[in-house]
PDB file of N, CA and C in Angstrom:
ATOM      1  N   MET A   1      57.419  27.735  11.459  1.00  0.00           N
ATOM      2  CA  MET A   1      56.438  27.234  12.378  1.00  0.00           C
ATOM      3  C   MET A   1      55.276  28.211  12.446  1.00  0.00           C
ATOM      4  N   ALA A   2      54.086  27.724  12.329  1.00  0.00           N
ATOM      5  CA  ALA A   2      52.903  28.577  12.350  1.00  0.00           C
ATOM      6  C   ALA A   2      52.464  28.852  13.789  1.00  0.00           C
ATOM      7  N   LYS A   3      51.910  30.028  13.969  1.00  0.00           N
ATOM      8  CA  LYS A   3      51.409  30.432  15.284  1.00  0.00           C
ATOM      9  C   LYS A   3      49.948  30.017  15.389  1.00  0.00           C
ATOM     10  N   ILE A   4      49.621  29.191  16.371  1.00  0.00           N
ATOM     11  CA  ILE A   4      48.240  28.764  16.596  1.00  0.00           C
ATOM     12  C   ILE A   4      47.728  29.494  17.834  1.00  0.00           C
ATOM     13  N   ALA A   5      46.592  30.153  17.717  1.00  0.00           N
ATOM     14  CA  ALA A   5      46.078  31.015  18.781  1.00  0.00           C
ATOM     15  C   ALA A   5      45.819  30.277  20.088  1.00  0.00           C
ATOM     16  N   THR A   6      45.489  29.010  20.035  1.00  0.00           N
ATOM     17  CA  THR A   6      45.180  28.270  21.261  1.00  0.00           C
ATOM     18  C   THR A   6      46.403  27.622  21.900  1.00  0.00           C
ATOM     19  N   ASP A   7      47.538  27.654  21.232  1.00  0.00           N
ATOM     20  CA  ASP A   7      48.761  27.044  21.747  1.00  0.00           C
ATOM     21  C   ASP A   7      49.439  28.024  22.699  1.00  0.00           C
ATOM     22  N   ARG A   8      49.483  27.683  23.974  1.00  0.00           N
ATOM     23  CA  ARG A   8      50.099  28.569  24.969  1.00  0.00           C
ATOM     24  C   ARG A   8      51.426  28.026  25.484  1.00  0.00           C
ATOM     25  N   THR A   9      51.917  26.983  24.888  1.00  0.00           N
ATOM     26  CA  THR A   9      53.177  26.408  25.367  1.00  0.00           C
ATOM     27  C   THR A   9      54.387  27.157  24.834  1.00  0.00           C
ATOM     28  N   THR A  10      54.243  27.826  23.717  1.00  0.00           N
ATOM     29  CA  THR A  10      55.357  28.599  23.163  1.00  0.00           C
ATOM     30  C   THR A  10      55.159  30.056  23.569  1.00  0.00           C
ATOM     31  N   ILE A  11      55.578  30.368  24.778  1.00  0.00           N
ATOM     32  CA  ILE A  11      55.330  31.678  25.371  1.00  0.00           C
ATOM     33  C   ILE A  11      55.977  32.808  24.570  1.00  0.00           C
ATOM     34  N   ASP A  12      57.136  32.556  23.993  1.00  0.00           N
ATOM     35  CA  ASP A  12      57.823  33.610  23.261  1.00  0.00           C
ATOM     36  C   ASP A  12      56.996  34.153  22.104  1.00  0.00           C
ATOM     37  N   LEU A  13      56.120  33.348  21.525  1.00  0.00           N
ATOM     38  CA  LEU A  13      55.267  33.833  20.441  1.00  0.00           C
ATOM     39  C   LEU A  13      54.159  34.752  20.959  1.00  0.00           C
ATOM     40  N   PHE A  14      53.847  34.644  22.249  1.00  0.00           N
ATOM     41  CA  PHE A  14      52.748  35.407  22.821  1.00  0.00           C
ATOM     42  C   PHE A  14      53.218  36.456  23.831  1.00  0.00           C
ATOM     43  N   ALA A  15      54.476  36.807  23.798  1.00  0.00           N
ATOM     44  CA  ALA A  15      55.045  37.730  24.779  1.00  0.00           C
ATOM     45  C   ALA A  15      54.371  39.094  24.751  1.00  0.00           C
ATOM     46  N   LEU A  16      53.989  39.565  23.598  1.00  0.00           N
ATOM     47  CA  LEU A  16      53.400  40.900  23.486  1.00  0.00           C
ATOM     48  C   LEU A  16      51.884  40.888  23.622  1.00  0.00           C
ATOM     49  N   GLU A  17      51.292  39.708  23.640  1.00  0.00           N
ATOM     50  CA  GLU A  17      49.841  39.606  23.710  1.00  0.00           C
ATOM     51  C   GLU A  17      49.354  39.835  25.140  1.00  0.00           C
ATOM     52  N   LYS A  18      48.385  40.713  25.297  1.00  0.00           N
ATOM     53  CA  LYS A  18      47.832  41.001  26.621  1.00  0.00           C
ATOM     54  C   LYS A  18      46.771  39.969  26.970  1.00  0.00           C
ATOM     55  N   ARG A  19      46.814  39.456  28.179  1.00  0.00           N
ATOM     56  CA  ARG A  19      45.800  38.513  28.647  1.00  0.00           C
ATOM     57  C   ARG A  19      44.785  39.268  29.497  1.00  0.00           C
ATOM     58  N   PRO A  20      43.514  38.896  29.407  1.00  0.00           N
ATOM     59  CA  PRO A  20      42.509  39.592  30.203  1.00  0.00           C
ATOM     60  C   PRO A  20      42.624  39.244  31.685  1.00  0.00           C
ATOM     61  N   GLY A  21      42.213  40.176  32.523  1.00  0.00           N
ATOM     62  CA  GLY A  21      42.195  39.920  33.959  1.00  0.00           C
ATOM     63  C   GLY A  21      43.444  40.386  34.665  1.00  0.00           C
ATOM     64  N   ARG A  22      43.386  40.269  35.946  1.00  0.00           N
ATOM     65  CA  ARG A  22      44.476  40.706  36.806  1.00  0.00           C
ATOM     66  C   ARG A  22      45.544  39.620  36.865  1.00  0.00           C
ATOM     67  N   PRO A  23      46.820  39.998  36.819  1.00  0.00           N
ATOM     68  CA  PRO A  23      47.870  38.982  36.878  1.00  0.00           C
ATOM     69  C   PRO A  23      47.908  38.309  38.255  1.00  0.00           C
ATOM     70  N   LYS A  24      48.255  37.061  38.275  1.00  0.00           N
ATOM     71  CA  LYS A  24      48.336  36.311  39.526  1.00  0.00           C
ATOM     72  C   LYS A  24      49.544  36.808  40.308  1.00  0.00           C
ATOM     73  N   THR A  25      49.317  37.229  41.551  1.00  0.00           N
ATOM     74  CA  THR A  25      50.409  37.792  42.342  1.00  0.00           C
ATOM     75  C   THR A  25      50.863  36.852  43.454  1.00  0.00           C
ATOM     76  N   ASN A  26      50.086  35.826  43.744  1.00  0.00           N
ATOM     77  CA  ASN A  26      50.434  34.911  44.820  1.00  0.00           C
ATOM     78  C   ASN A  26      50.289  33.476  44.308  1.00  0.00           C
ATOM     79  N   PRO A  27      51.329  32.668  44.476  1.00  0.00           N
ATOM     80  CA  PRO A  27      51.258  31.300  43.952  1.00  0.00           C
ATOM     81  C   PRO A  27      50.347  30.373  44.759  1.00  0.00           C
ATOM     82  N   LEU A  28      49.981  30.776  45.981  1.00  0.00           N
ATOM     83  CA  LEU A  28      49.149  29.918  46.821  1.00  0.00           C
ATOM     84  C   LEU A  28      47.675  30.030  46.446  1.00  0.00           C
ATOM     85  N   PRO A  29      46.923  28.944  46.620  1.00  0.00           N
ATOM     86  CA  PRO A  29      45.470  29.037  46.410  1.00  0.00           C
ATOM     87  C   PRO A  29      44.835  29.933  47.484  1.00  0.00           C
ATOM     88  N   ARG A  30      43.663  30.458  47.203  1.00  0.00           N
ATOM     89  CA  ARG A  30      43.018  31.423  48.089  1.00  0.00           C
ATOM     90  C   ARG A  30      42.838  30.877  49.505  1.00  0.00           C
ATOM     91  N   GLU A  31      42.472  29.614  49.629  1.00  0.00           N
ATOM     92  CA  GLU A  31      42.264  29.010  50.952  1.00  0.00           C
ATOM     93  C   GLU A  31      43.547  29.049  51.790  1.00  0.00           C
ATOM     94  N   GLU A  32      44.675  28.752  51.153  1.00  0.00           N
ATOM     95  CA  GLU A  32      45.961  28.785  51.855  1.00  0.00           C
ATOM     96  C   GLU A  32      46.354  30.224  52.199  1.00  0.00           C
ATOM     97  N   GLN A  33      46.047  31.162  51.310  1.00  0.00           N
ATOM     98  CA  GLN A  33      46.340  32.565  51.587  1.00  0.00           C
ATOM     99  C   GLN A  33      45.599  33.035  52.832  1.00  0.00           C
ATOM    100  N   LEU A  34      44.319  32.653  52.957  1.00  0.00           N
ATOM    101  CA  LEU A  34      43.525  33.052  54.114  1.00  0.00           C
ATOM    102  C   LEU A  34      44.093  32.486  55.409  1.00  0.00           C
ATOM    103  N   LYS A  35      44.507  31.219  55.377  1.00  0.00           N
ATOM    104  CA  LYS A  35      45.108  30.606  56.562  1.00  0.00           C
ATOM    105  C   LYS A  35      46.386  31.336  56.965  1.00  0.00           C
ATOM    106  N   LEU A  36      47.218  31.633  55.981  1.00  0.00           N
ATOM    107  CA  LEU A  36      48.484  32.314  56.243  1.00  0.00           C
ATOM    108  C   LEU A  36      48.243  33.720  56.785  1.00  0.00           C
ATOM    109  N   ASN A  37      47.298  34.430  56.194  1.00  0.00           N
ATOM    110  CA  ASN A  37      46.990  35.780  56.663  1.00  0.00           C
ATOM    111  C   ASN A  37      46.485  35.767  58.099  1.00  0.00           C
ATOM    112  N   LYS A  38      45.627  34.799  58.429  1.00  0.00           N
ATOM    113  CA  LYS A  38      45.100  34.692  59.786  1.00  0.00           C
ATOM    114  C   LYS A  38      46.220  34.390  60.774  1.00  0.00           C
ATOM    115  N   ARG A  39      47.113  33.482  60.394  1.00  0.00           N
ATOM    116  CA  ARG A  39      48.249  33.137  61.250  1.00  0.00           C
ATOM    117  C   ARG A  39      49.122  34.367  61.504  1.00  0.00           C
ATOM    118  N   ASN A  40      49.368  35.152  60.448  1.00  0.00           N
ATOM    119  CA  ASN A  40      50.174  36.361  60.593  1.00  0.00           C
ATOM    120  C   ASN A  40      49.477  37.398  61.468  1.00  0.00           C
ATOM    121  N   GLN A  41      48.143  37.513  61.342  1.00  0.00           N
ATOM    122  CA  GLN A  41      47.388  38.447  62.166  1.00  0.00           C
ATOM    123  C   GLN A  41      47.495  38.070  63.643  1.00  0.00           C
ATOM    124  N   ILE A  42      47.399  36.783  63.932  1.00  0.00           N
ATOM    125  CA  ILE A  42      47.517  36.308  65.315  1.00  0.00           C
ATOM    126  C   ILE A  42      48.904  36.632  65.871  1.00  0.00           C
ATOM    127  N   LYS A  43      49.944  36.454  65.045  1.00  0.00           N
ATOM    128  CA  LYS A  43      51.305  36.781  65.478  1.00  0.00           C
ATOM    129  C   LYS A  43      51.448  38.271  65.769  1.00  0.00           C
ATOM    130  N   ARG A  44      50.883  39.128  64.888  1.00  0.00           N
ATOM    131  CA  ARG A  44      50.953  40.577  65.110  1.00  0.00           C
ATOM    132  C   ARG A  44      50.237  40.964  66.402  1.00  0.00           C
ATOM    133  N   ASP A  45      49.070  40.363  66.637  1.00  0.00           N
ATOM    134  CA  ASP A  45      48.321  40.650  67.857  1.00  0.00           C
ATOM    135  C   ASP A  45      49.105  40.212  69.094  1.00  0.00           C
ATOM    136  N   ARG A  46      49.748  39.062  69.013  1.00  0.00           N
ATOM    137  CA  ARG A  46      50.522  38.550  70.137  1.00  0.00           C
ATOM    138  C   ARG A  46      51.675  39.491  70.465  1.00  0.00           C
ATOM    139  N   VAL A  47      52.339  40.017  69.430  1.00  0.00           N
ATOM    140  CA  VAL A  47      53.441  40.963  69.634  1.00  0.00           C
ATOM    141  C   VAL A  47      52.931  42.234  70.322  1.00  0.00           C
ATOM    142  N   LYS A  48      51.705  42.638  69.986  1.00  0.00           N
ATOM    143  CA  LYS A  48      51.107  43.832  70.599  1.00  0.00           C
ATOM    144  C   LYS A  48      50.573  43.555  72.002  1.00  0.00           C
ATOM    145  N   GLY A  49      50.631  42.298  72.428  1.00  0.00           N
ATOM    146  CA  GLY A  49      50.147  41.943  73.758  1.00  0.00           C
ATOM    147  C   GLY A  49      48.643  41.741  73.810  1.00  0.00           C
ATOM    148  N   LEU A  50      48.022  41.482  72.673  1.00  0.00           N
ATOM    149  CA  LEU A  50      46.584  41.279  72.635  1.00  0.00           C
ATOM    150  C   LEU A  50      46.257  39.796  72.730  1.00  0.00           C
ATOM    151  N   LYS A  51      45.176  39.497  73.403  1.00  0.00           N
ATOM    152  CA  LYS A  51      44.720  38.118  73.551  1.00  0.00           C
ATOM    153  C   LYS A  51      43.268  38.069  73.122  1.00  0.00           C
ATOM    154  N   ARG A  52      42.925  37.117  72.272  1.00  0.00           N
ATOM    155  CA  ARG A  52      41.570  36.994  71.744  1.00  0.00           C
ATOM    156  C   ARG A  52      40.701  36.225  72.722  1.00  0.00           C
ATOM    157  N   ILE A  53      39.508  36.775  72.983  1.00  0.00           N
ATOM    158  CA  ILE A  53      38.528  36.065  73.794  1.00  0.00           C
ATOM    159  C   ILE A  53      37.181  36.140  73.091  1.00  0.00           C
ATOM    160  N   GLU A  54      36.345  35.171  73.360  1.00  0.00           N
ATOM    161  CA  GLU A  54      34.994  35.172  72.805  1.00  0.00           C
ATOM    162  C   GLU A  54      34.026  34.849  73.917  1.00  0.00           C
ATOM    163  N   CYS A  55      32.870  35.472  73.838  1.00  0.00           N
ATOM    164  CA  CYS A  55      31.814  35.137  74.786  1.00  0.00           C
ATOM    165  C   CYS A  55      30.472  35.386  74.108  1.00  0.00           C
ATOM    166  N   LYS A  56      29.463  34.686  74.588  1.00  0.00           N
ATOM    167  CA  LYS A  56      28.129  34.852  74.044  1.00  0.00           C
ATOM    168  C   LYS A  56      27.299  35.641  75.042  1.00  0.00           C
ATOM    169  N   VAL A  57      26.628  36.673  74.534  1.00  0.00           N
ATOM    170  CA  VAL A  57      25.775  37.502  75.383  1.00  0.00           C
ATOM    171  C   VAL A  57      24.415  37.638  74.716  1.00  0.00           C
ATOM    172  N   PRO A  58      23.389  37.929  75.503  1.00  0.00           N
ATOM    173  CA  PRO A  58      22.070  38.140  74.907  1.00  0.00           C
ATOM    174  C   PRO A  58      22.081  39.329  73.938  1.00  0.00           C
ATOM    175  N   GLU A  59      21.214  39.260  72.944  1.00  0.00           N
ATOM    176  CA  GLU A  59      21.160  40.304  71.918  1.00  0.00           C
ATOM    177  C   GLU A  59      20.878  41.681  72.514  1.00  0.00           C
ATOM    178  N   LYS A  60      20.015  41.749  73.514  1.00  0.00           N
ATOM    179  CA  LYS A  60      19.685  43.033  74.156  1.00  0.00           C
ATOM    180  C   LYS A  60      20.921  43.670  74.776  1.00  0.00           C
ATOM    181  N   LEU A  61      21.732  42.849  75.436  1.00  0.00           N
ATOM    182  CA  LEU A  61      22.953  43.362  76.049  1.00  0.00           C
ATOM    183  C   LEU A  61      23.912  43.885  74.989  1.00  0.00           C
ATOM    184  N   CYS A  62      24.013  43.182  73.887  1.00  0.00           N
ATOM    185  CA  CYS A  62      24.891  43.605  72.801  1.00  0.00           C
ATOM    186  C   CYS A  62      24.418  44.937  72.215  1.00  0.00           C
ATOM    187  N   GLU A  63      23.111  45.093  72.065  1.00  0.00           N
ATOM    188  CA  GLU A  63      22.554  46.351  71.558  1.00  0.00           C
ATOM    189  C   GLU A  63      22.856  47.498  72.513  1.00  0.00           C
ATOM    190  N   LYS A  64      22.716  47.255  73.828  1.00  0.00           N
ATOM    191  CA  LYS A  64      23.026  48.291  74.829  1.00  0.00           C
ATOM    192  C   LYS A  64      24.506  48.649  74.777  1.00  0.00           C
ATOM    193  N   LEU A  65      25.334  47.647  74.619  1.00  0.00           N
ATOM    194  CA  LEU A  65      26.777  47.865  74.527  1.00  0.00           C
ATOM    195  C   LEU A  65      27.128  48.685  73.289  1.00  0.00           C
ATOM    196  N   ASP A  66      26.512  48.352  72.163  1.00  0.00           N
ATOM    197  CA  ASP A  66      26.736  49.112  70.932  1.00  0.00           C
ATOM    198  C   ASP A  66      26.302  50.565  71.099  1.00  0.00           C
ATOM    199  N   GLN A  67      25.160  50.782  71.733  1.00  0.00           N
ATOM    200  CA  GLN A  67      24.642  52.137  71.939  1.00  0.00           C
ATOM    201  C   GLN A  67      25.569  52.937  72.847  1.00  0.00           C
ATOM    202  N   ALA A  68      26.014  52.313  73.936  1.00  0.00           N
ATOM    203  CA  ALA A  68      26.916  52.995  74.863  1.00  0.00           C
ATOM    204  C   ALA A  68      28.242  53.330  74.182  1.00  0.00           C
ATOM    205  N   ALA A  69      28.741  52.423  73.357  1.00  0.00           N
ATOM    206  CA  ALA A  69      29.989  52.672  72.635  1.00  0.00           C
ATOM    207  C   ALA A  69      29.807  53.818  71.640  1.00  0.00           C
ATOM    208  N   LEU A  70      28.644  53.858  70.987  1.00  0.00           N
ATOM    209  CA  LEU A  70      28.354  54.930  70.039  1.00  0.00           C
ATOM    210  C   LEU A  70      28.310  56.282  70.749  1.00  0.00           C
ATOM    211  N   GLU A  71      27.659  56.320  71.912  1.00  0.00           N
ATOM    212  CA  GLU A  71      27.570  57.562  72.694  1.00  0.00           C
ATOM    213  C   GLU A  71      28.936  58.018  73.182  1.00  0.00           C
ATOM    214  N   ALA A  72      29.813  57.056  73.470  1.00  0.00           N
ATOM    215  CA  ALA A  72      31.168  57.382  73.921  1.00  0.00           C
ATOM    216  C   ALA A  72      32.102  57.651  72.743  1.00  0.00           C
ATOM    217  N   ASN A  73      31.556  57.560  71.515  1.00  0.00           N
ATOM    218  CA  ASN A  73      32.336  57.780  70.292  1.00  0.00           C
ATOM    219  C   ASN A  73      33.538  56.825  70.220  1.00  0.00           C
ATOM    220  N   MET A  74      33.264  55.549  70.506  1.00  0.00           N
ATOM    221  CA  MET A  74      34.297  54.507  70.494  1.00  0.00           C
ATOM    222  C   MET A  74      33.771  53.295  69.746  1.00  0.00           C
ATOM    223  N   THR A  75      34.674  52.439  69.379  1.00  0.00           N
ATOM    224  CA  THR A  75      34.257  51.153  68.840  1.00  0.00           C
ATOM    225  C   THR A  75      33.846  50.265  70.005  1.00  0.00           C
ATOM    226  N   ARG A  76      33.107  49.210  69.705  1.00  0.00           N
ATOM    227  CA  ARG A  76      32.680  48.303  70.770  1.00  0.00           C
ATOM    228  C   ARG A  76      33.888  47.698  71.490  1.00  0.00           C
ATOM    229  N   SER A  77      34.891  47.308  70.723  1.00  0.00           N
ATOM    230  CA  SER A  77      36.085  46.717  71.287  1.00  0.00           C
ATOM    231  C   SER A  77      36.798  47.697  72.225  1.00  0.00           C
ATOM    232  N   ASN A  78      36.955  48.935  71.790  1.00  0.00           N
ATOM    233  CA  ASN A  78      37.603  49.945  72.622  1.00  0.00           C
ATOM    234  C   ASN A  78      36.780  50.253  73.863  1.00  0.00           C
ATOM    235  N   PHE A  79      35.457  50.243  73.713  1.00  0.00           N
ATOM    236  CA  PHE A  79      34.582  50.532  74.846  1.00  0.00           C
ATOM    237  C   PHE A  79      34.687  49.422  75.896  1.00  0.00           C
ATOM    238  N   ILE A  80      34.724  48.175  75.455  1.00  0.00           N
ATOM    239  CA  ILE A  80      34.876  47.063  76.397  1.00  0.00           C
ATOM    240  C   ILE A  80      36.210  47.164  77.109  1.00  0.00           C
ATOM    241  N   GLU A  81      37.260  47.532  76.375  1.00  0.00           N
ATOM    242  CA  GLU A  81      38.580  47.698  76.986  1.00  0.00           C
ATOM    243  C   GLU A  81      38.552  48.831  78.002  1.00  0.00           C
ATOM    244  N   TYR A  82      37.851  49.896  77.676  1.00  0.00           N
ATOM    245  CA  TYR A  82      37.702  51.046  78.585  1.00  0.00           C
ATOM    246  C   TYR A  82      37.000  50.629  79.875  1.00  0.00           C
ATOM    247  N   LEU A  83      35.952  49.806  79.745  1.00  0.00           N
ATOM    248  CA  LEU A  83      35.229  49.347  80.941  1.00  0.00           C
ATOM    249  C   LEU A  83      36.124  48.517  81.834  1.00  0.00           C
TER     250      LEU A  83
END
């Protein structure tokens, strides 16, 4: 049987051949991976007793908050928790 370079169905003939690129490590598509990772992050946060909140504030207030957090040598999130 002859080896044809484009035939990938007979894997044993190509066992030693290196393929370009990084090997696939996760069978899920990227979109599903992101959903799963987000779900796991939410579970980890819940175990730590963290609760996610969102609010909209004026840009000036956000800038003042960032500056105050920088002066306190903290992240914005830590500074809000401190307040």
